[in-house]
């Protein structure tokens, strides 16, 4: 009769192949295969994570979201179109590439550019909330360039060197405004925007009234009511300085809208709208500075 004590498994000789954890066992082979597969998956996942961390951040194209960099490139492209068509407007106005004070000038480029730009600006402004049409914005830049080139050539004939002066002054105002906005020293506010809108309405009424008086011949001065002097200072200079500040604040509003669009994750296509807004303001600023310099030089 066998001893029951020896029936204890601890005293029995075991075949290693019967142990599940033995490398040759069927269960062990499945466990090892699973472990190797899991390790491979972990390694692949870690490699993918490392690749994601090492990759550059997603840009506006990948995310299809508005970004400052993308808006800057779009704005630069619009101004490139404007500059090219401005050359066309300049040459068209003068009837050639040379500036000849004795030669006649054509007012047609200014008229075509101004009317085309105004109509397109109205369409873009009132339809961009529903649908952004880059083609219309390109067309606006082209018409605006013809207008700017035409009026610049006309003023250059009357006041040689005025275009360079106005261009440098415009770049200076835009640069200072951008620097102040980027540094956080100036920001758009509800109160200032309300004052700006009231001032804009007043300025538009004044400009329309002045235009009517000049067209009807009631006021035949070169700049209409702007040529009227107050204490020896032309009214156009006083108004012009105020308008330059208004245009500078309009730039602040443009920058602020772009910043809000980027922060709120607006679709990338709205970068065209931001570029359009900046172009409208910069052209307005340039024309006002051109007129201020002309009035100051004319008064001398």
Protein backbone atom coordinates (compact mmCIF):
# COMPACT_ATOMS: atom_id res chain seq x y z
CA UNK A 1 0.00 0.00 0.00
CA UNK A 2 1.44 3.29 -1.06
CA UNK A 3 2.08 6.14 1.27
CA UNK A 4 -0.46 8.94 0.76
CA UNK A 5 2.18 11.46 1.68
CA UNK A 6 4.01 10.71 -1.49
CA UNK A 7 0.89 11.39 -3.47
CA UNK A 8 1.53 15.10 -2.84
CA UNK A 9 2.35 16.73 -6.20
CA UNK A 10 5.40 18.33 -4.67
CA UNK A 11 6.98 14.88 -4.40
CA UNK A 12 5.97 13.68 -7.80
CA UNK A 13 8.30 13.96 -10.77
CA UNK A 14 6.81 16.29 -13.29
CA UNK A 15 7.39 16.31 -16.99
CA UNK A 16 8.40 19.84 -17.93
CA UNK A 17 6.30 19.55 -21.10
CA UNK A 18 3.21 19.22 -18.92
CA UNK A 19 3.82 22.65 -17.39
CA UNK A 20 1.88 25.36 -19.22
CA UNK A 21 4.62 27.89 -18.70
CA UNK A 22 7.24 25.69 -20.26
CA UNK A 23 8.38 27.33 -23.51
CA UNK A 24 7.50 24.27 -25.55
CA UNK A 25 4.00 23.93 -24.21
CA UNK A 26 1.06 24.78 -26.50
CA UNK A 27 -0.39 27.33 -24.07
CA UNK A 28 2.99 28.96 -23.61
CA UNK A 29 3.45 29.27 -27.37
CA UNK A 30 0.11 31.08 -27.68
CA UNK A 31 0.96 33.36 -24.78
CA UNK A 32 4.35 34.17 -26.25
CA UNK A 33 2.83 34.86 -29.65
CA UNK A 34 0.31 37.21 -28.08
CA UNK A 35 3.04 38.91 -26.06
CA UNK A 36 5.20 39.40 -29.14
CA UNK A 37 2.26 40.78 -31.09
CA UNK A 38 1.39 43.17 -28.27
CA UNK A 39 5.01 44.28 -28.01
CA UNK A 40 5.09 44.91 -31.75
CA UNK A 41 1.91 46.96 -31.54
CA UNK A 42 3.31 48.97 -28.65
CA UNK A 43 6.52 49.63 -30.55
CA UNK A 44 4.57 50.74 -33.62
CA UNK A 45 2.36 52.98 -31.51
CA UNK A 46 5.37 54.53 -29.80
CA UNK A 47 7.06 55.10 -33.15
CA UNK A 48 3.91 56.75 -34.48
CA UNK A 49 3.70 59.01 -31.44
CA UNK A 50 7.33 59.98 -31.75
CA UNK A 51 6.76 60.77 -35.42
CA UNK A 52 3.76 62.93 -34.57
CA UNK A 53 5.71 64.85 -31.94
CA UNK A 54 8.63 65.33 -34.31
CA UNK A 55 6.45 66.46 -37.23
CA UNK A 56 5.79 70.19 -37.74
CA UNK A 57 2.44 71.51 -36.49
CA UNK A 58 -0.49 71.24 -38.86
CA UNK A 59 -0.88 74.31 -41.03
CA UNK A 60 -3.95 76.02 -42.40
CA UNK A 61 -4.05 73.72 -45.43
CA UNK A 62 -4.16 70.55 -43.31
CA UNK A 63 -6.71 71.93 -40.86
CA UNK A 64 -8.62 74.06 -43.41
CA UNK A 65 -8.71 76.76 -40.76
CA UNK A 66 -7.82 80.43 -40.99
CA UNK A 67 -4.31 81.38 -39.87
CA UNK A 68 -2.35 84.62 -39.69
CA UNK A 69 0.37 83.32 -42.01
CA UNK A 70 -2.10 82.19 -44.65
CA UNK A 71 -3.96 85.50 -44.48
CA UNK A 72 -0.69 87.40 -44.90
CA UNK A 73 0.11 85.43 -48.06
CA UNK A 74 -3.37 86.02 -49.44
CA UNK A 75 -3.11 89.75 -48.70
CA UNK A 76 0.31 89.92 -50.37
CA UNK A 77 -1.13 88.23 -53.45
CA UNK A 78 -3.96 90.76 -53.66
CA UNK A 79 -1.53 93.67 -53.40
CA UNK A 80 0.60 92.09 -56.12
CA UNK A 81 -2.44 92.15 -58.42
CA UNK A 82 -3.11 95.76 -57.43
CA UNK A 83 0.46 96.84 -58.22
CA UNK A 84 0.44 95.17 -61.64
CA UNK A 85 -2.86 96.78 -62.66
CA UNK A 86 -1.71 100.10 -61.15
CA UNK A 87 1.06 100.14 -63.75
CA UNK A 88 -1.58 99.54 -66.41
CA UNK A 89 -3.67 102.42 -65.04
CA UNK A 90 -0.63 104.71 -64.91
CA UNK A 91 0.37 104.02 -68.52
CA UNK A 92 -3.23 104.18 -69.72
CA UNK A 93 -3.76 107.56 -68.05
CA UNK A 94 -0.63 109.12 -69.51
CA UNK A 95 -0.96 107.48 -72.90
CA UNK A 96 2.58 106.10 -72.60
CA UNK A 97 5.34 105.17 -70.18
CA UNK A 98 6.80 108.68 -69.85
CA UNK A 99 5.51 111.48 -67.65
CA UNK A 100 5.01 114.47 -69.93
CA UNK A 101 3.36 117.48 -68.24
CA UNK A 102 2.35 118.92 -71.61
CA UNK A 103 0.58 115.77 -72.74
CA UNK A 104 -3.10 115.23 -72.14
CA UNK A 105 -4.26 112.66 -69.62
CA UNK A 106 -7.14 110.22 -69.78
CA UNK A 107 -9.60 110.20 -66.91
CA UNK A 108 -11.11 106.94 -68.10
CA UNK A 109 -8.86 104.64 -65.99
CA UNK A 110 -9.86 106.48 -62.82
CA UNK A 111 -13.55 106.31 -63.69
CA UNK A 112 -13.49 102.65 -64.73
CA UNK A 113 -11.39 101.63 -61.75
CA UNK A 114 -13.44 103.60 -59.23
CA UNK A 115 -16.84 102.41 -60.48
CA UNK A 116 -15.75 98.79 -60.92
CA UNK A 117 -14.07 98.74 -57.53
CA UNK A 118 -17.06 100.31 -55.78
CA UNK A 119 -19.58 97.85 -57.26
CA UNK A 120 -17.41 94.84 -56.46
CA UNK A 121 -16.70 96.13 -52.94
CA UNK A 122 -20.43 96.37 -52.25
CA UNK A 123 -21.07 92.86 -53.58
CA UNK A 124 -18.18 91.37 -51.59
CA UNK A 125 -19.13 93.18 -48.40
CA UNK A 126 -22.78 92.10 -48.41
CA UNK A 127 -22.35 88.52 -49.67
CA UNK A 128 -19.20 87.29 -47.92
CA UNK A 129 -21.13 86.20 -44.82
CA UNK A 130 -22.86 83.53 -46.89
CA UNK A 131 -20.22 82.70 -49.49
CA UNK A 132 -16.65 83.85 -50.05
CA UNK A 133 -15.81 84.37 -53.72
CA UNK A 134 -12.04 84.82 -54.20
CA UNK A 135 -12.56 85.57 -57.91
CA UNK A 136 -14.55 88.71 -57.04
CA UNK A 137 -11.84 89.80 -54.61
CA UNK A 138 -9.21 89.31 -57.34
CA UNK A 139 -11.32 91.40 -59.70
CA UNK A 140 -11.68 94.10 -57.03
CA UNK A 141 -7.90 94.24 -56.59
CA UNK A 142 -7.50 94.61 -60.37
CA UNK A 143 -10.04 97.44 -60.68
CA UNK A 144 -8.66 99.17 -57.61
CA UNK A 145 -5.17 98.98 -59.08
CA UNK A 146 -6.33 100.68 -62.29
CA UNK A 147 -7.91 103.44 -60.20
CA UNK A 148 -4.85 103.91 -57.98
CA UNK A 149 -2.51 103.96 -60.97
CA UNK A 150 -4.67 106.46 -62.81
CA UNK A 151 -5.09 108.92 -59.96
CA UNK A 152 -1.43 108.60 -59.00
CA UNK A 153 -0.34 109.48 -62.54
CA UNK A 154 -2.69 112.46 -62.58
CA UNK A 155 -1.37 113.85 -59.29
CA UNK A 156 2.22 113.15 -60.31
CA UNK A 157 1.76 115.42 -63.32
CA UNK A 158 0.53 118.24 -61.11
CA UNK A 159 2.91 117.68 -58.19
CA UNK A 160 6.09 115.83 -59.24
CA UNK A 161 7.34 113.46 -56.56
CA UNK A 162 4.02 113.30 -54.72
CA UNK A 163 3.49 109.58 -55.37
CA UNK A 164 6.72 108.62 -53.61
CA UNK A 165 5.84 110.91 -50.68
CA UNK A 166 2.34 109.49 -50.34
CA UNK A 167 3.58 105.90 -50.65
CA UNK A 168 6.22 106.33 -47.95
CA UNK A 169 3.71 108.04 -45.64
CA UNK A 170 1.18 105.24 -46.19
CA UNK A 171 3.75 102.54 -45.46
CA UNK A 172 4.78 104.41 -42.31
CA UNK A 173 1.20 104.67 -40.99
CA UNK A 174 0.47 101.00 -41.75
CA UNK A 175 3.76 99.89 -40.16
CA UNK A 176 3.26 101.90 -36.99
CA UNK A 177 -0.34 100.74 -36.64
CA UNK A 178 0.64 97.10 -37.11
CA UNK A 179 3.49 97.40 -34.60
CA UNK A 180 1.23 98.99 -31.98
CA UNK A 181 -1.45 96.35 -32.52
CA UNK A 182 1.05 93.49 -32.35
CA UNK A 183 2.47 94.87 -29.11
CA UNK A 184 -1.02 95.11 -27.60
CA UNK A 185 -0.83 98.89 -27.09
CA UNK A 186 -3.89 99.57 -29.21
CA UNK A 187 -6.99 97.43 -29.44
CA UNK A 188 -10.47 97.76 -30.89
CA UNK A 189 -13.15 98.63 -28.37
CA UNK A 190 -16.91 98.98 -28.55
CA UNK A 191 -16.78 102.67 -27.58
CA UNK A 192 -14.08 103.59 -30.09
CA UNK A 193 -15.81 101.60 -32.83
CA UNK A 194 -19.05 103.49 -32.19
CA UNK A 195 -17.21 106.83 -32.42
CA UNK A 196 -15.49 105.61 -35.58
CA UNK A 197 -18.80 104.70 -37.24
CA UNK A 198 -20.32 108.09 -36.40
CA UNK A 199 -17.25 109.85 -37.78
CA UNK A 200 -17.40 107.72 -40.94
CA UNK A 201 -21.03 108.67 -41.58
CA UNK A 202 -20.18 112.35 -41.09
CA UNK A 203 -17.20 112.10 -43.42
CA UNK A 204 -19.24 110.37 -46.13
CA UNK A 205 -21.91 113.08 -45.96
CA UNK A 206 -19.24 115.78 -46.21
CA UNK A 207 -17.57 114.07 -49.17
CA UNK A 208 -20.84 113.64 -51.08
CA UNK A 209 -21.82 117.27 -50.43
CA UNK A 210 -18.39 118.47 -51.56
CA UNK A 211 -18.62 116.35 -54.71
CA UNK A 212 -22.05 117.78 -55.60
CA UNK A 213 -20.84 121.35 -55.07
CA UNK A 214 -17.85 120.75 -57.34
CA UNK A 215 -19.90 119.03 -60.07
CA UNK A 216 -22.53 121.78 -60.11
CA UNK A 217 -19.88 124.51 -60.18
CA UNK A 218 -21.10 126.12 -56.98
CA UNK A 219 -17.63 125.67 -55.54
CA UNK A 220 -15.00 125.71 -58.27
CA UNK A 221 -11.94 125.38 -56.04
CA UNK A 222 -9.52 122.60 -56.90
CA UNK A 223 -10.57 120.54 -53.87
CA UNK A 224 -13.95 122.12 -53.24
CA UNK A 225 -14.73 122.76 -49.58
CA UNK A 226 -11.35 121.28 -48.66
CA UNK A 227 -9.69 124.36 -50.17
CA UNK A 228 -11.55 126.71 -47.80
CA UNK A 229 -9.15 128.13 -45.24
CA UNK A 230 -9.78 128.38 -41.53
CA UNK A 231 -7.31 130.69 -39.79
CA UNK A 232 -5.02 130.31 -42.77
CA UNK A 233 -5.14 126.50 -42.73
CA UNK A 234 -6.98 124.69 -45.56
CA UNK A 235 -9.95 122.73 -44.26
CA UNK A 236 -8.70 119.75 -46.25
CA UNK A 237 -5.58 119.50 -44.09
CA UNK A 238 -7.57 119.48 -40.85
CA UNK A 239 -10.05 116.92 -42.13
CA UNK A 240 -7.27 114.94 -43.77
CA UNK A 241 -5.37 114.46 -40.52
CA UNK A 242 -8.54 113.27 -38.79
CA UNK A 243 -9.25 110.88 -41.66
CA UNK A 244 -5.75 109.42 -41.43
CA UNK A 245 -6.45 108.58 -37.77
CA UNK A 246 -9.79 107.08 -38.82
CA UNK A 247 -8.08 104.94 -41.46
CA UNK A 248 -5.50 103.82 -38.91
CA UNK A 249 -8.27 102.71 -36.55
CA UNK A 250 -9.96 100.96 -39.47
CA UNK A 251 -6.73 98.98 -39.86
CA UNK A 252 -6.94 98.06 -36.19
CA UNK A 253 -10.47 96.74 -36.82
CA UNK A 254 -9.17 94.72 -39.78
CA UNK A 255 -6.35 93.21 -37.72
CA UNK A 256 -8.75 92.48 -34.86
CA UNK A 257 -11.21 90.68 -37.14
CA UNK A 258 -8.42 88.51 -38.54
CA UNK A 259 -7.23 87.72 -35.02
CA UNK A 260 -10.75 86.76 -33.93
CA UNK A 261 -11.20 84.60 -37.02
CA UNK A 262 -8.01 82.69 -36.27
CA UNK A 263 -8.90 82.33 -32.59
CA UNK A 264 -12.41 81.05 -33.37
CA UNK A 265 -11.22 78.59 -35.99
CA UNK A 266 -12.91 80.26 -38.95
CA UNK A 267 -12.66 78.46 -42.32
CA UNK A 268 -9.47 79.13 -44.26
CA UNK A 269 -11.33 80.86 -47.11
CA UNK A 270 -12.07 83.83 -44.83
CA UNK A 271 -8.42 84.79 -45.12
CA UNK A 272 -9.44 86.33 -48.46
CA UNK A 273 -12.00 88.49 -46.67
CA UNK A 274 -9.31 89.64 -44.23
CA UNK A 275 -7.00 90.55 -47.10
CA UNK A 276 -9.84 92.37 -48.84
CA UNK A 277 -10.52 94.47 -45.74
CA UNK A 278 -6.88 95.47 -45.38
CA UNK A 279 -6.66 96.40 -49.06
CA UNK A 280 -9.74 98.63 -48.88
CA UNK A 281 -8.34 100.47 -45.87
CA UNK A 282 -4.81 100.87 -47.25
CA UNK A 283 -6.08 102.26 -50.57
CA UNK A 284 -8.34 104.68 -48.71
CA UNK A 285 -5.39 105.76 -46.55
CA UNK A 286 -3.15 106.27 -49.60
CA UNK A 287 -5.73 108.42 -51.42
CA UNK A 288 -6.28 110.60 -48.35
CA UNK A 289 -2.54 111.12 -47.84
CA UNK A 290 -2.15 111.89 -51.54
CA UNK A 291 -4.82 114.57 -51.23
CA UNK A 292 -3.34 116.01 -48.01
CA UNK A 293 0.09 116.43 -49.65
CA UNK A 294 -1.49 117.95 -52.77
CA UNK A 295 -3.44 120.48 -50.70
CA UNK A 296 -0.35 121.38 -48.66
CA UNK A 297 1.81 121.79 -51.76
CA UNK A 298 -0.92 123.64 -53.60
CA UNK A 299 -1.36 126.12 -50.77
CA UNK A 300 2.31 127.02 -51.06
